[in-house]
N, C-alpha and C. Protein backbone atom coordinates (compact mmCIF):
# COMPACT_ATOMS: atom_id res chain seq x y z
N UNK A 1 -49.99 -70.38 -6.36
CA UNK A 1 -50.68 -69.17 -7.19
C UNK A 1 -49.94 -68.76 -8.27
N UNK A 2 -50.92 -68.91 -9.50
CA UNK A 2 -50.06 -68.31 -10.84
C UNK A 2 -49.96 -66.91 -10.66
N UNK A 3 -49.08 -66.64 -11.59
CA UNK A 3 -49.12 -65.46 -11.52
C UNK A 3 -48.79 -64.78 -13.73
N UNK A 4 -49.62 -63.98 -12.98
CA UNK A 4 -50.10 -63.20 -14.62
C UNK A 4 -48.74 -62.82 -15.57
N UNK A 5 -48.77 -62.72 -17.08
CA UNK A 5 -47.59 -62.19 -17.09
C UNK A 5 -48.25 -61.14 -18.21
N UNK A 6 -46.82 -60.18 -17.83
CA UNK A 6 -47.21 -58.86 -18.34
C UNK A 6 -47.49 -59.24 -19.72
N UNK A 7 -48.50 -58.17 -20.37
CA UNK A 7 -47.92 -57.83 -21.47
C UNK A 7 -47.84 -56.34 -22.13
N UNK A 8 -47.25 -56.07 -22.66
CA UNK A 8 -46.99 -54.36 -22.93
C UNK A 8 -47.68 -53.76 -24.18
N UNK A 9 -48.09 -52.86 -23.75
CA UNK A 9 -48.87 -52.17 -25.23
C UNK A 9 -48.39 -51.67 -25.79
N UNK A 10 -48.60 -51.39 -26.99
CA UNK A 10 -47.70 -50.81 -28.10
C UNK A 10 -46.92 -49.26 -27.57
N UNK A 11 -47.87 -48.50 -26.68
CA UNK A 11 -47.34 -47.39 -26.35
C UNK A 11 -46.04 -47.53 -25.58
N UNK A 12 -46.26 -48.12 -24.21
CA UNK A 12 -45.50 -48.63 -24.00
C UNK A 12 -44.33 -49.20 -23.84
N UNK A 13 -44.36 -49.90 -25.14
CA UNK A 13 -43.08 -50.40 -25.47
C UNK A 13 -42.64 -49.32 -26.49
N UNK A 14 -42.51 -48.29 -27.08
CA UNK A 14 -42.23 -47.39 -27.27
C UNK A 14 -41.24 -46.63 -26.02
N UNK A 15 -42.09 -46.92 -25.26
CA UNK A 15 -41.69 -45.69 -24.22
C UNK A 15 -40.37 -46.89 -23.61
N UNK A 16 -40.18 -47.47 -23.06
CA UNK A 16 -39.16 -48.38 -22.94
C UNK A 16 -38.05 -48.97 -23.87
N UNK A 17 -38.52 -48.52 -25.38
CA UNK A 17 -37.74 -48.35 -26.18
C UNK A 17 -36.58 -47.03 -25.88
N UNK A 18 -37.63 -45.82 -25.77
CA UNK A 18 -37.22 -44.99 -25.76
C UNK A 18 -36.12 -44.96 -24.34
N UNK A 19 -36.43 -45.30 -23.62
CA UNK A 19 -35.52 -44.98 -22.30
C UNK A 19 -34.47 -46.53 -22.76
N UNK A 20 -34.61 -47.24 -23.19
CA UNK A 20 -33.55 -48.00 -23.11
C UNK A 20 -32.25 -47.18 -23.77
N UNK A 21 -32.59 -46.61 -25.08
CA UNK A 21 -31.46 -46.20 -25.80
C UNK A 21 -31.04 -44.68 -25.30
N UNK A 22 -31.88 -43.95 -24.00
CA UNK A 22 -31.53 -43.32 -23.12
C UNK A 22 -30.15 -43.85 -22.21
N UNK A 23 -30.37 -45.06 -21.80
CA UNK A 23 -29.53 -46.34 -20.81
C UNK A 23 -28.68 -46.79 -21.31
N UNK A 24 -28.80 -46.80 -22.21
CA UNK A 24 -27.18 -47.50 -23.77
C UNK A 24 -26.63 -46.24 -23.69
N UNK A 25 -27.30 -45.20 -24.12
CA UNK A 25 -25.76 -43.99 -24.11
C UNK A 25 -25.38 -43.42 -22.86
N UNK A 26 -26.00 -43.48 -21.91
CA UNK A 26 -25.01 -43.08 -20.79
C UNK A 26 -24.24 -44.13 -20.14
N UNK A 27 -24.78 -45.26 -20.75
CA UNK A 27 -23.75 -46.64 -20.63
C UNK A 27 -22.34 -46.38 -21.09
N UNK A 28 -22.87 -46.00 -22.92
CA UNK A 28 -21.06 -45.98 -23.70
C UNK A 28 -20.72 -44.78 -22.91
N UNK A 29 -21.12 -43.40 -22.38
CA UNK A 29 -20.55 -42.40 -22.63
C UNK A 29 -19.62 -42.70 -20.75
N UNK A 30 -20.03 -43.79 -19.90
CA UNK A 30 -19.18 -43.47 -18.72
C UNK A 30 -17.84 -44.76 -19.27
N UNK A 31 -18.35 -45.63 -19.90
CA UNK A 31 -17.02 -46.41 -20.40
C UNK A 31 -16.13 -45.74 -20.97
N UNK A 32 -16.14 -44.45 -21.84
CA UNK A 32 -15.96 -43.80 -22.43
C UNK A 32 -14.17 -42.99 -21.39
N UNK A 33 -15.61 -42.39 -20.38
CA UNK A 33 -15.04 -41.35 -19.31
C UNK A 33 -14.58 -41.87 -18.33
N UNK A 34 -14.65 -43.47 -18.52
CA UNK A 34 -13.75 -43.96 -16.97
C UNK A 34 -13.50 -44.96 -17.55
N UNK A 35 -12.87 -45.88 -16.21
CA UNK A 35 -11.93 -47.44 -17.37
C UNK A 35 -13.28 -48.14 -16.81
N UNK A 36 -14.51 -48.25 -16.62
CA UNK A 36 -15.53 -49.25 -17.00
C UNK A 36 -15.67 -50.02 -17.57
N UNK A 37 -15.32 -51.13 -17.20
CA UNK A 37 -15.96 -52.49 -18.29
C UNK A 37 -17.25 -52.67 -18.06
N UNK A 38 -17.62 -53.73 -19.63
CA UNK A 38 -18.79 -53.77 -19.83
C UNK A 38 -19.59 -55.04 -18.25
N UNK A 39 -18.69 -55.86 -17.49
CA UNK A 39 -18.99 -56.52 -16.21
C UNK A 39 -19.24 -55.04 -15.11
N UNK A 40 -18.58 -54.20 -15.16
CA UNK A 40 -18.70 -53.09 -14.17
C UNK A 40 -19.98 -52.42 -14.50
N UNK A 41 -20.49 -52.56 -16.02
CA UNK A 41 -21.37 -52.07 -15.83
C UNK A 41 -23.47 -52.32 -15.72
N UNK A 42 -22.85 -53.95 -16.62
CA UNK A 42 -23.54 -54.62 -15.93
C UNK A 42 -24.23 -55.50 -14.48
N UNK A 43 -23.42 -55.02 -13.66
CA UNK A 43 -22.74 -54.73 -11.99
C UNK A 43 -24.16 -53.84 -11.76
N UNK A 44 -23.66 -53.15 -11.95
CA UNK A 44 -24.40 -51.67 -11.25
C UNK A 44 -25.90 -51.42 -12.14
N UNK A 45 -26.32 -51.87 -13.50
CA UNK A 45 -27.67 -51.90 -13.07
C UNK A 45 -28.26 -53.14 -13.05
N UNK A 46 -27.70 -53.88 -12.04
CA UNK A 46 -28.15 -55.23 -11.48
C UNK A 46 -28.35 -54.40 -10.26
N UNK A 47 -27.61 -54.05 -9.61
CA UNK A 47 -27.57 -53.16 -8.24
C UNK A 47 -28.61 -52.27 -8.29
N UNK A 48 -28.80 -50.86 -9.63
CA UNK A 48 -30.01 -50.24 -9.01
C UNK A 48 -31.35 -51.29 -9.31
N UNK A 49 -31.81 -52.28 -10.61
CA UNK A 49 -32.98 -52.49 -10.24
C UNK A 49 -33.10 -53.32 -9.24
N UNK A 50 -31.94 -54.64 -8.46
CA UNK A 50 -32.66 -54.60 -7.53
C UNK A 50 -33.36 -53.68 -6.49
N UNK A 51 -32.09 -52.45 -6.11
CA UNK A 51 -32.78 -51.55 -5.47
C UNK A 51 -34.30 -50.79 -5.33
N UNK A 52 -34.79 -50.87 -6.33
CA UNK A 52 -35.63 -49.81 -7.03
C UNK A 52 -37.22 -50.69 -7.01
N UNK A 53 -36.49 -51.85 -7.39
CA UNK A 53 -37.41 -53.04 -8.54
C UNK A 53 -37.68 -53.98 -7.39
N UNK A 54 -37.08 -54.05 -6.05
CA UNK A 54 -37.34 -55.96 -5.82
C UNK A 54 -38.15 -55.19 -4.33
């Protein structure tokens, strides 16, 4: 069974970019306000993605 490759539209790409900027800002704020390092942020984002999108 061949899976289809999703190609986002221009509007979808713009939404994803806006969301990514919000996530990036939240991660930077978390790093400033706690002792979280990049590896902690990476693990947290992976756990969230696995929980909600698997």
